[in-house]
Amino acid sequence: MPLTTPTRSTPREPVTSERSPLTVFIAVTLLTGVGAGLGGMLLALLLHWIQHVAYGYSIDHVISSESFLDGVSGASPERRVLVLVICGLVAGLGWWALYRFGRPLVSIKKAVKSDDPRMPVVSTVVHAVLQIVTVALGSPLGREVAPREIGSVWAGWLSHRAGLSAAESRIMVACGAGAGLAAVYNVPLGGAVFVLEVLLGTFGWAALVPAVATSAIAAIVAWMGLGNEHQYTVSPLMLSTPLVVWSALCGPVFGVAAWGFTQLTTRARAQAPKDWRLPVLALLNFAIIGGLAIAFPQLLGNGKGPAGLSFNSELTIGLAAVLLVLKVAITAGSLRAGAEGGLLTPGIANGALLAIVLGGVWNLIWPGTSSGAFAVVGAAAFLAASMQMPLTAVVLIVEFTRVNHDFLIPILFAVAGSVSTFKLLAKAWAARSATSATPVAKPAGAALARNTVGGN
């Protein structure tokens, strides 16, 4: 048995501050990074393989230079509808069976705050695989929750087997989530900051060192199957005075939009059925998305397609506006029907599309900025506010796009405005809810952990 020295509990450590031997903690940290990296890599490979089979492009190569949007656009309209109908069947029957026969799911956010941070292994794995399969088939929700859940469930099991204390186990479960994110998107710094800012709420050394280590290890491990690639290939963008002024002025607009989006998605997810209605609504929802995809193939998938087009200035203002409205509608509709997935990449796409529209109007007043530059800034602002993670959003957008360091200036201006506005709206809504005699939805900020960053 390892020797430990009990100490008094503090308000931040309500269970115990007992520490395991350093060698054991280091071993668990290393294995968490490796396991999360392998899990993220395998999920990404599964997603790519299903995409290629479903839409019939580059079938001989799971990883190719042809993007998902290219493959969807090249598929026949009939095939798009058929694949989305299959997606509805998988989503409806899959999640209905999971809720009916599986153990209750535990979100990452809840696990990190629990005395016993372990998550049900089989139910969590099934939940993650269902997300990957449905996103690969065209679901508009994000795929980032699945690798986070796999990393967390692995870290929780490993911590329990190694005999780590409750406090250390919570740190490792959070690190497993960040490492999964780092692996699937090749964002080692973003994964670490996500752990510290969103899940643990501290940048102390006890959390910072394992967070950085696990995310770096996971990203390197995932290179074996996914390569050292970044998410978006963005043409060189120029910083300009009009862009900086626009970022400061439009930051609050992104905050208002993000608040509205979280209100909509929170209510949609809260009203989602888990009984026999789930298969029916899921089939209907995805059949409608398949019909929309006949004219707008950009709608299919987690939002990477329209975001990439926005970053490279390949969308007109009119098309961006249409895609934005439809993207928000099908995202909320899919959550309302009972489908599961993240809102990180949909948030990036929404911010980029909204920025194309706002930037296009701004260029009529003060021309000289490319629409791609507006999109990068808008994506960061919307993501930061909608998921209430300003530092993580900035780091993720920089790692996703590899934009010039100078772009931090407009990005930070926009993020500051959007997050501040979001918080003001959430506070006002909370005050209104407290004084209202009729039941209203929970404030977006309070429900955000469950709706987006927390997991399920």
Protein backbone atom coordinates (compact mmCIF):
# COMPACT_ATOMS: atom_id res chain seq x y z
CA MET A 1 0.00 0.00 0.00
CA PRO A 2 1.39 3.45 -0.82
CA LEU A 3 2.27 5.65 2.14
CA THR A 4 0.32 8.90 2.27
CA THR A 5 0.18 11.81 4.64
CA PRO A 6 -3.34 13.00 5.42
CA THR A 7 -3.82 16.72 5.69
CA ARG A 8 -6.76 18.93 6.49
CA SER A 9 -9.29 19.53 3.77
CA THR A 10 -9.65 22.98 2.29
CA PRO A 11 -12.71 24.54 0.63
CA ARG A 12 -11.22 23.72 -2.79
CA GLU A 13 -10.54 20.10 -1.80
CA PRO A 14 -13.75 19.04 -0.01
CA VAL A 15 -12.98 15.32 -0.15
CA THR A 16 -9.26 14.92 0.50
CA SER A 17 -5.89 16.48 -0.28
CA GLU A 18 -4.15 13.14 0.18
CA ARG A 19 -1.53 12.61 -2.48
CA SER A 20 -0.34 9.44 -4.18
CA PRO A 21 3.34 8.72 -4.79
CA LEU A 22 4.76 10.96 -7.50
CA THR A 23 5.82 8.04 -9.67
CA VAL A 24 2.27 6.70 -9.74
CA PHE A 25 0.83 10.09 -10.67
CA ILE A 26 3.42 10.52 -13.43
CA ALA A 27 2.65 7.05 -14.81
CA VAL A 28 -1.08 7.79 -14.87
CA THR A 29 -0.41 11.13 -16.58
CA LEU A 30 1.65 9.48 -19.32
CA LEU A 31 -0.84 6.66 -19.86
CA THR A 32 -3.75 9.11 -19.93
CA GLY A 33 -2.07 11.04 -22.72
CA VAL A 34 -1.29 7.90 -24.70
CA GLY A 35 -4.78 6.42 -24.24
CA ALA A 36 -6.56 9.65 -25.12
CA GLY A 37 -4.33 10.06 -28.17
CA LEU A 38 -5.09 6.56 -29.42
CA GLY A 39 -8.80 6.99 -28.69
CA GLY A 40 -8.98 10.32 -30.51
CA MET A 41 -7.01 8.95 -33.45
CA LEU A 42 -9.22 5.87 -33.82
CA LEU A 43 -12.41 7.92 -33.61
CA ALA A 44 -11.12 10.33 -36.26
CA LEU A 45 -10.14 7.44 -38.55
CA LEU A 46 -13.56 5.87 -38.06
CA LEU A 47 -15.22 9.17 -38.94
CA HIS A 48 -13.15 9.59 -42.11
CA TRP A 49 -13.78 6.00 -43.21
CA ILE A 50 -17.57 6.30 -42.77
CA GLN A 51 -17.59 9.62 -44.64
CA HIS A 52 -15.76 8.14 -47.61
CA VAL A 53 -17.94 5.02 -47.75
CA ALA A 54 -21.20 6.90 -47.25
CA TYR A 55 -20.60 9.51 -49.94
CA GLY A 56 -18.40 7.39 -52.23
CA TYR A 57 -15.35 9.59 -52.62
CA SER A 58 -11.66 8.61 -52.53
CA ILE A 59 -12.82 5.18 -51.46
CA ASP A 60 -9.34 3.65 -51.72
CA HIS A 61 -7.85 6.06 -49.22
CA VAL A 62 -9.30 6.79 -45.80
CA ILE A 63 -7.21 9.94 -45.55
CA SER A 64 -6.91 11.94 -48.75
CA SER A 65 -6.61 15.51 -49.94
CA GLU A 66 -10.29 15.53 -50.89
CA SER A 67 -12.37 17.19 -48.17
CA PHE A 68 -15.71 16.07 -46.79
CA LEU A 69 -17.37 19.04 -48.50
CA ASP A 70 -15.83 17.98 -51.81
CA GLY A 71 -17.14 14.46 -51.32
CA VAL A 72 -20.64 15.58 -50.37
CA SER A 73 -20.79 18.06 -53.24
CA GLY A 74 -19.76 15.34 -55.67
CA ALA A 75 -22.39 12.88 -54.43
CA SER A 76 -25.75 12.75 -56.16
CA PRO A 77 -28.74 14.46 -54.50
CA GLU A 78 -30.41 11.08 -54.06
CA ARG A 79 -27.38 9.75 -52.22
CA ARG A 80 -27.32 12.73 -49.86
CA VAL A 81 -30.95 12.17 -48.91
CA LEU A 82 -30.46 8.42 -48.48
CA VAL A 83 -27.40 8.87 -46.26
CA LEU A 84 -29.22 11.38 -44.05
CA VAL A 85 -32.18 9.02 -43.72
CA ILE A 86 -29.74 6.33 -42.58
CA CYS A 87 -28.25 8.90 -40.19
CA GLY A 88 -31.72 9.48 -38.71
CA LEU A 89 -32.24 5.76 -38.20
CA VAL A 90 -28.86 5.32 -36.54
CA ALA A 91 -29.35 8.35 -34.31
CA GLY A 92 -32.92 7.58 -33.32
CA LEU A 93 -32.60 3.86 -32.70
CA GLY A 94 -29.09 4.13 -31.28
CA TRP A 95 -29.79 6.73 -28.62
CA TRP A 96 -33.18 5.26 -27.80
CA ALA A 97 -31.54 1.88 -27.13
CA LEU A 98 -28.78 3.51 -25.08
CA TYR A 99 -31.27 5.35 -22.86
CA ARG A 100 -33.49 2.27 -22.62
CA PHE A 101 -30.88 -0.39 -21.85
CA GLY A 102 -27.65 1.40 -20.91
CA ARG A 103 -26.48 2.81 -17.61
CA PRO A 104 -27.21 6.52 -17.05
CA LEU A 105 -24.63 8.76 -18.69
CA VAL A 106 -22.38 11.01 -16.64
CA SER A 107 -21.15 14.22 -18.27
CA ILE A 108 -17.51 15.20 -18.06
CA LYS A 109 -18.36 18.34 -16.13
CA LYS A 110 -20.30 16.34 -13.57
CA ALA A 111 -17.56 13.71 -13.29
CA VAL A 112 -14.90 16.35 -12.63
CA LYS A 113 -16.98 17.68 -9.71
CA SER A 114 -17.87 14.26 -8.31
CA ASP A 115 -16.36 12.42 -5.33
CA ASP A 116 -16.08 9.42 -7.66
CA PRO A 117 -15.17 10.81 -11.12
CA ARG A 118 -15.52 7.53 -12.96
CA MET A 119 -17.92 7.39 -15.89
CA PRO A 120 -19.87 4.29 -17.06
CA VAL A 121 -17.51 2.70 -19.57
CA VAL A 122 -19.86 0.89 -21.95
CA SER A 123 -22.55 3.58 -22.06
CA THR A 124 -19.96 6.33 -22.57
CA VAL A 125 -18.19 4.47 -25.37
CA VAL A 126 -21.48 3.75 -27.14
CA HIS A 127 -22.50 7.39 -26.73
CA ALA A 128 -19.20 8.55 -28.22
CA VAL A 129 -19.32 6.15 -31.17
CA LEU A 130 -22.90 7.19 -31.98
CA GLN A 131 -21.77 10.81 -32.15
CA ILE A 132 -18.91 9.97 -34.51
CA VAL A 133 -21.08 7.81 -36.78
CA THR A 134 -23.88 10.38 -37.06
CA VAL A 135 -21.50 13.31 -37.65
CA ALA A 136 -19.75 11.26 -40.33
CA LEU A 137 -23.11 10.65 -42.00
CA GLY A 138 -23.93 14.34 -41.99
CA SER A 139 -25.25 15.40 -38.57
CA PRO A 140 -24.70 19.15 -38.06
CA LEU A 141 -23.47 18.67 -34.49
CA GLY A 142 -19.81 18.65 -33.44
CA ARG A 143 -17.60 15.60 -33.06
CA GLU A 144 -15.36 17.00 -30.32
CA VAL A 145 -17.35 15.65 -27.36
CA ALA A 146 -16.74 12.01 -28.34
CA PRO A 147 -12.91 12.01 -28.03
CA ARG A 148 -13.20 14.02 -24.82
CA GLU A 149 -15.52 11.40 -23.36
CA ILE A 150 -13.23 8.56 -24.40
CA GLY A 151 -10.23 10.32 -22.86
CA SER A 152 -12.14 11.00 -19.64
CA VAL A 153 -13.54 7.51 -19.21
CA TRP A 154 -10.05 6.06 -19.78
CA ALA A 155 -8.47 8.47 -17.29
CA GLY A 156 -11.14 7.75 -14.67
CA TRP A 157 -10.70 3.99 -14.96
CA LEU A 158 -6.94 4.28 -14.91
CA SER A 159 -6.92 6.61 -11.89
CA HIS A 160 -9.14 4.23 -9.96
CA ARG A 161 -6.94 1.25 -10.77
CA ALA A 162 -3.82 3.16 -9.76
CA GLY A 163 -5.34 4.21 -6.45
CA LEU A 164 -5.14 7.96 -6.99
CA SER A 165 -6.93 10.20 -4.52
CA ALA A 166 -10.29 11.71 -5.44
CA ALA A 167 -8.70 15.12 -6.07
CA GLU A 168 -6.02 13.64 -8.34
CA SER A 169 -8.58 11.52 -10.16
CA ARG A 170 -10.67 14.58 -10.93
CA ILE A 171 -7.62 16.30 -12.39
CA MET A 172 -6.83 13.29 -14.55
CA VAL A 173 -10.44 12.96 -15.82
CA ALA A 174 -10.31 16.60 -16.89
CA CYS A 175 -6.90 16.07 -18.48
CA GLY A 176 -8.23 13.06 -20.37
CA ALA A 177 -10.94 15.27 -21.87
CA GLY A 178 -8.46 17.94 -22.93
CA ALA A 179 -6.10 15.32 -24.34
CA GLY A 180 -8.91 13.84 -26.44
CA LEU A 181 -9.64 17.28 -27.85
CA ALA A 182 -5.94 17.85 -28.52
CA ALA A 183 -5.64 14.53 -30.33
CA VAL A 184 -8.61 14.79 -32.68
CA TYR A 185 -7.93 18.41 -33.69
CA ASN A 186 -4.12 18.55 -33.25
CA VAL A 187 -4.42 21.43 -30.76
CA PRO A 188 -2.12 20.57 -27.83
CA LEU A 189 -2.18 24.04 -26.30
CA GLY A 190 -5.92 24.40 -26.86
CA GLY A 191 -6.57 21.07 -25.15
CA ALA A 192 -4.52 22.09 -22.12
CA VAL A 193 -6.12 25.52 -21.80
CA PHE A 194 -9.57 23.93 -22.11
CA VAL A 195 -8.79 21.75 -19.10
CA LEU A 196 -7.54 24.64 -17.01
CA GLU A 197 -10.07 27.31 -17.97
CA VAL A 198 -13.27 25.32 -18.50
CA LEU A 199 -13.11 22.06 -16.56
CA LEU A 200 -10.92 22.79 -13.53
CA GLY A 201 -11.08 26.57 -13.30
CA THR A 202 -7.50 26.88 -12.12
CA PHE A 203 -4.05 27.42 -13.60
CA GLY A 204 -2.24 26.08 -10.54
CA TRP A 205 0.82 23.93 -11.04
CA ALA A 206 -0.90 20.75 -9.82
CA ALA A 207 -3.32 21.02 -12.74
CA LEU A 208 -1.19 22.86 -15.30
CA VAL A 209 1.64 20.32 -15.57
CA PRO A 210 -0.52 17.21 -16.21
CA ALA A 211 -2.85 19.20 -18.49
CA VAL A 212 0.01 20.32 -20.72
CA ALA A 213 1.72 16.93 -20.63
CA THR A 214 -1.36 14.84 -21.47
CA SER A 215 -2.46 17.13 -24.31
CA ALA A 216 1.02 17.19 -25.86
CA ILE A 217 1.39 13.42 -25.62
CA ALA A 218 -2.07 12.82 -27.07
CA ALA A 219 -1.44 15.11 -30.04
CA ILE A 220 1.87 13.38 -30.81
CA VAL A 221 0.32 9.92 -30.53
CA ALA A 222 -2.50 10.91 -32.89
CA TRP A 223 0.05 12.00 -35.51
CA MET A 224 0.68 8.29 -36.17
CA GLY A 225 -2.68 7.92 -37.87
CA LEU A 226 -3.76 11.48 -38.66
CA GLY A 227 -0.50 13.22 -39.46
CA ASN A 228 0.70 16.57 -38.16
CA GLU A 229 -2.02 18.54 -39.94
CA HIS A 230 -4.03 21.56 -38.87
CA GLN A 231 -7.78 21.84 -39.34
CA TYR A 232 -8.00 24.70 -41.84
CA THR A 233 -5.71 25.74 -44.65
CA VAL A 234 -6.10 29.51 -44.63
CA SER A 235 -4.62 31.84 -47.24
CA PRO A 236 -2.43 34.67 -45.91
CA LEU A 237 -4.59 37.38 -44.32
CA MET A 238 -3.68 41.03 -43.86
CA LEU A 239 -4.25 43.01 -40.69
CA SER A 240 -5.84 46.39 -41.36
CA THR A 241 -7.17 49.38 -39.45
CA PRO A 242 -10.74 48.81 -40.70
CA LEU A 243 -10.59 45.25 -39.35
CA VAL A 244 -9.46 46.37 -35.90
CA VAL A 245 -12.19 49.03 -35.67
CA TRP A 246 -14.82 46.55 -36.93
CA SER A 247 -13.70 43.99 -34.32
CA ALA A 248 -14.16 46.47 -31.48
CA LEU A 249 -17.56 47.63 -32.74
CA CYS A 250 -18.99 44.23 -33.68
CA GLY A 251 -17.74 42.25 -30.69
CA PRO A 252 -20.99 42.91 -28.75
CA VAL A 253 -23.04 41.82 -31.78
CA PHE A 254 -21.39 38.40 -31.64
CA GLY A 255 -22.14 38.29 -27.91
CA VAL A 256 -25.85 38.89 -28.54
CA ALA A 257 -25.89 36.25 -31.29
CA ALA A 258 -24.06 33.74 -29.11
CA TRP A 259 -26.46 34.32 -26.23
CA GLY A 260 -29.44 33.74 -28.50
CA PHE A 261 -27.84 30.60 -29.90
CA THR A 262 -27.21 29.12 -26.44
CA GLN A 263 -30.76 29.93 -25.37
CA LEU A 264 -32.11 28.15 -28.44
CA THR A 265 -29.89 25.07 -28.14
CA THR A 266 -30.35 24.80 -24.37
CA ARG A 267 -34.12 24.70 -24.75
CA ALA A 268 -33.91 22.30 -27.68
CA ARG A 269 -31.74 19.87 -25.74
CA ALA A 270 -33.91 20.13 -22.62
CA GLN A 271 -37.00 19.21 -24.64
CA ALA A 272 -35.39 16.26 -26.46
CA PRO A 273 -37.29 12.99 -25.97
CA LYS A 274 -35.75 9.75 -24.74
CA ASP A 275 -38.72 7.48 -25.38
CA TRP A 276 -40.33 6.11 -28.54
CA ARG A 277 -40.60 9.62 -29.99
CA LEU A 278 -36.83 9.85 -30.35
CA PRO A 279 -36.53 7.51 -33.39
CA VAL A 280 -39.52 9.18 -35.07
CA LEU A 281 -38.28 12.75 -34.59
CA ALA A 282 -34.69 11.84 -35.48
CA LEU A 283 -35.74 10.22 -38.74
CA LEU A 284 -37.93 13.20 -39.66
CA ASN A 285 -35.25 15.73 -38.70
CA PHE A 286 -32.44 14.15 -40.69
CA ALA A 287 -34.68 13.49 -43.69
CA ILE A 288 -35.39 17.24 -43.78
CA ILE A 289 -31.66 17.98 -43.55
CA GLY A 290 -31.09 15.59 -46.45
CA GLY A 291 -33.62 17.49 -48.49
CA LEU A 292 -31.92 20.81 -47.69
CA ALA A 293 -28.58 19.28 -48.64
CA ILE A 294 -29.75 18.84 -52.22
CA ALA A 295 -29.39 22.58 -52.72
CA PHE A 296 -26.94 23.30 -49.89
CA PRO A 297 -24.38 20.50 -49.44
CA GLN A 298 -22.38 22.87 -47.22
CA LEU A 299 -24.89 22.19 -44.43
CA LEU A 300 -23.80 18.60 -43.90
CA GLY A 301 -21.32 17.77 -41.20
CA ASN A 302 -20.16 19.61 -38.11
CA GLY A 303 -19.59 22.97 -39.79
CA LYS A 304 -16.01 22.58 -40.94
CA GLY A 305 -17.02 23.06 -44.59
CA PRO A 306 -18.71 26.47 -44.32
CA ALA A 307 -16.09 27.64 -41.81
CA GLY A 308 -13.29 26.76 -44.23
CA LEU A 309 -15.05 28.50 -47.10
CA SER A 310 -15.49 31.57 -44.90
CA PHE A 311 -11.85 31.67 -43.84
CA ASN A 312 -10.75 31.56 -47.47
CA SER A 313 -13.18 34.28 -48.63
CA GLU A 314 -15.12 31.86 -50.85
CA LEU A 315 -18.65 32.81 -49.79
CA THR A 316 -20.87 35.66 -50.90
CA ILE A 317 -22.80 37.67 -48.34
CA GLY A 318 -26.11 36.22 -49.52
CA LEU A 319 -24.99 32.60 -49.38
CA ALA A 320 -23.37 33.12 -45.98
CA ALA A 321 -26.62 34.57 -44.61
CA VAL A 322 -28.69 31.65 -45.93
CA LEU A 323 -26.23 29.06 -44.59
CA LEU A 324 -26.18 30.79 -41.20
CA VAL A 325 -29.96 30.68 -40.81
CA LEU A 326 -30.20 27.09 -41.98
CA LYS A 327 -27.20 25.96 -39.91
CA VAL A 328 -28.68 27.35 -36.70
CA ALA A 329 -32.06 25.81 -37.51
CA ILE A 330 -30.80 22.30 -38.23
CA THR A 331 -28.46 22.36 -35.23
CA ALA A 332 -31.31 23.22 -32.89
CA GLY A 333 -33.60 20.80 -34.70
CA SER A 334 -31.16 17.93 -34.33
CA LEU A 335 -30.79 18.57 -30.60
CA ARG A 336 -34.57 18.81 -30.22
CA ALA A 337 -34.95 15.49 -32.03
CA GLY A 338 -32.63 13.79 -29.52
CA ALA A 339 -29.32 13.64 -31.42
CA GLU A 340 -26.17 14.33 -29.45
CA GLY A 341 -22.92 16.09 -30.24
CA GLY A 342 -20.84 19.13 -29.46
CA LEU A 343 -21.33 22.77 -30.36
CA LEU A 344 -17.71 23.80 -30.77
CA THR A 345 -17.36 23.46 -34.53
CA PRO A 346 -20.96 24.57 -35.17
CA GLY A 347 -20.13 27.66 -33.09
CA ILE A 348 -17.06 28.36 -35.18
CA ALA A 349 -19.09 28.04 -38.37
CA ASN A 350 -21.86 30.30 -37.05
CA GLY A 351 -19.38 32.98 -36.03
CA ALA A 352 -17.57 32.84 -39.35
CA LEU A 353 -20.80 33.05 -41.38
CA LEU A 354 -22.15 35.92 -39.30
CA ALA A 355 -18.83 37.72 -39.73
CA ILE A 356 -19.06 37.38 -43.53
CA VAL A 357 -22.42 39.18 -43.42
CA LEU A 358 -21.36 41.90 -40.97
CA GLY A 359 -17.99 42.32 -42.67
CA GLY A 360 -19.61 42.66 -46.07
CA VAL A 361 -21.72 45.54 -44.80
CA TRP A 362 -18.66 47.10 -43.15
CA ASN A 363 -16.70 46.94 -46.41
CA LEU A 364 -19.37 49.16 -47.98
CA ILE A 365 -18.56 51.77 -45.36
CA TRP A 366 -14.81 51.28 -45.02
CA PRO A 367 -13.46 48.95 -47.72
CA GLY A 368 -10.16 47.15 -47.74
CA THR A 369 -10.57 43.97 -45.62
CA SER A 370 -10.99 40.44 -46.96
CA SER A 371 -14.03 38.49 -45.84
CA GLY A 372 -11.72 35.74 -44.60
CA ALA A 373 -10.18 38.11 -42.06
CA PHE A 374 -13.63 39.00 -40.75
CA ALA A 375 -14.50 35.30 -40.53
CA VAL A 376 -11.48 34.37 -38.40
CA VAL A 377 -12.21 37.14 -35.91
CA GLY A 378 -15.94 36.41 -35.85
CA ALA A 379 -15.40 32.69 -35.28
CA ALA A 380 -13.27 33.41 -32.22
CA ALA A 381 -15.74 35.95 -30.83
CA PHE A 382 -18.79 33.71 -31.25
CA LEU A 383 -17.04 30.61 -29.88
CA ALA A 384 -15.65 32.47 -26.87
CA ALA A 385 -19.08 33.79 -25.87
CA SER A 386 -21.26 30.79 -26.76
CA MET A 387 -19.10 28.39 -24.76
CA GLN A 388 -17.90 30.91 -22.16
CA MET A 389 -14.23 30.11 -22.68
CA PRO A 390 -12.44 33.21 -24.00
CA LEU A 391 -8.86 31.99 -23.54
CA THR A 392 -9.57 28.56 -24.98
CA ALA A 393 -11.41 30.04 -27.97
CA VAL A 394 -8.53 32.36 -28.84
CA VAL A 395 -5.99 29.56 -28.61
CA LEU A 396 -8.14 27.14 -30.62
CA ILE A 397 -8.75 29.58 -33.46
CA VAL A 398 -5.05 30.41 -33.69
CA GLU A 399 -4.13 26.71 -33.69
CA PHE A 400 -6.91 25.83 -36.14
CA THR A 401 -6.02 28.50 -38.70
CA ARG A 402 -2.34 29.32 -37.95
CA VAL A 403 -3.08 32.99 -38.64
CA ASN A 404 -0.46 35.65 -38.19
CA HIS A 405 0.35 36.64 -34.62
CA ASP A 406 -0.85 40.19 -35.38
CA PHE A 407 -4.40 38.87 -35.69
CA LEU A 408 -4.51 38.51 -31.92
CA ILE A 409 -5.27 42.25 -31.74
CA PRO A 410 -8.65 42.20 -33.53
CA ILE A 411 -9.45 38.77 -32.10
CA LEU A 412 -8.96 39.97 -28.53
CA PHE A 413 -10.99 43.11 -29.13
CA ALA A 414 -13.88 41.07 -30.52
CA VAL A 415 -13.69 38.40 -27.82
CA ALA A 416 -13.70 40.99 -25.04
CA GLY A 417 -16.82 42.63 -26.47
CA SER A 418 -18.67 39.38 -27.13
CA VAL A 419 -17.98 37.75 -23.77
CA SER A 420 -18.83 40.90 -21.82
CA THR A 421 -22.10 41.33 -23.68
CA PHE A 422 -22.99 37.66 -23.21
CA LYS A 423 -22.43 37.93 -19.46
CA LEU A 424 -24.54 41.07 -19.21
CA LEU A 425 -27.39 39.39 -21.06
CA ALA A 426 -27.11 36.24 -18.96
CA LYS A 427 -27.16 38.30 -15.77
CA ALA A 428 -30.19 40.28 -16.91
CA TRP A 429 -31.98 37.08 -17.93
CA ALA A 430 -31.20 35.48 -14.56
CA ALA A 431 -32.62 38.51 -12.74
CA ARG A 432 -35.73 38.41 -14.91
CA SER A 433 -36.15 34.69 -14.26
CA ALA A 434 -35.83 35.20 -10.50
CA THR A 435 -38.61 37.78 -10.44
CA SER A 436 -40.89 36.19 -13.02
CA ALA A 437 -43.99 34.41 -11.80
CA THR A 438 -44.02 32.00 -14.75
CA PRO A 439 -41.40 29.31 -15.34
CA VAL A 440 -38.72 30.29 -17.85
CA ALA A 441 -35.69 28.61 -19.28
CA LYS A 442 -32.52 28.64 -17.22
CA PRO A 443 -30.08 31.42 -18.11
CA ALA A 444 -27.79 30.50 -20.93
CA GLY A 445 -24.68 30.89 -18.83
CA ALA A 446 -25.94 28.51 -16.14
CA ALA A 447 -27.00 25.82 -18.57
CA LEU A 448 -23.96 26.13 -20.79
CA ALA A 449 -21.85 23.49 -19.12
CA ARG A 450 -24.42 20.81 -19.78
CA ASN A 451 -25.27 22.10 -23.22
CA THR A 452 -21.80 22.46 -24.68
CA VAL A 453 -18.53 22.06 -22.88
CA GLY A 454 -19.61 19.63 -20.21
CA GLY A 455 -20.12 16.57 -22.33
CA ASN A 456 -23.42 14.85 -23.02
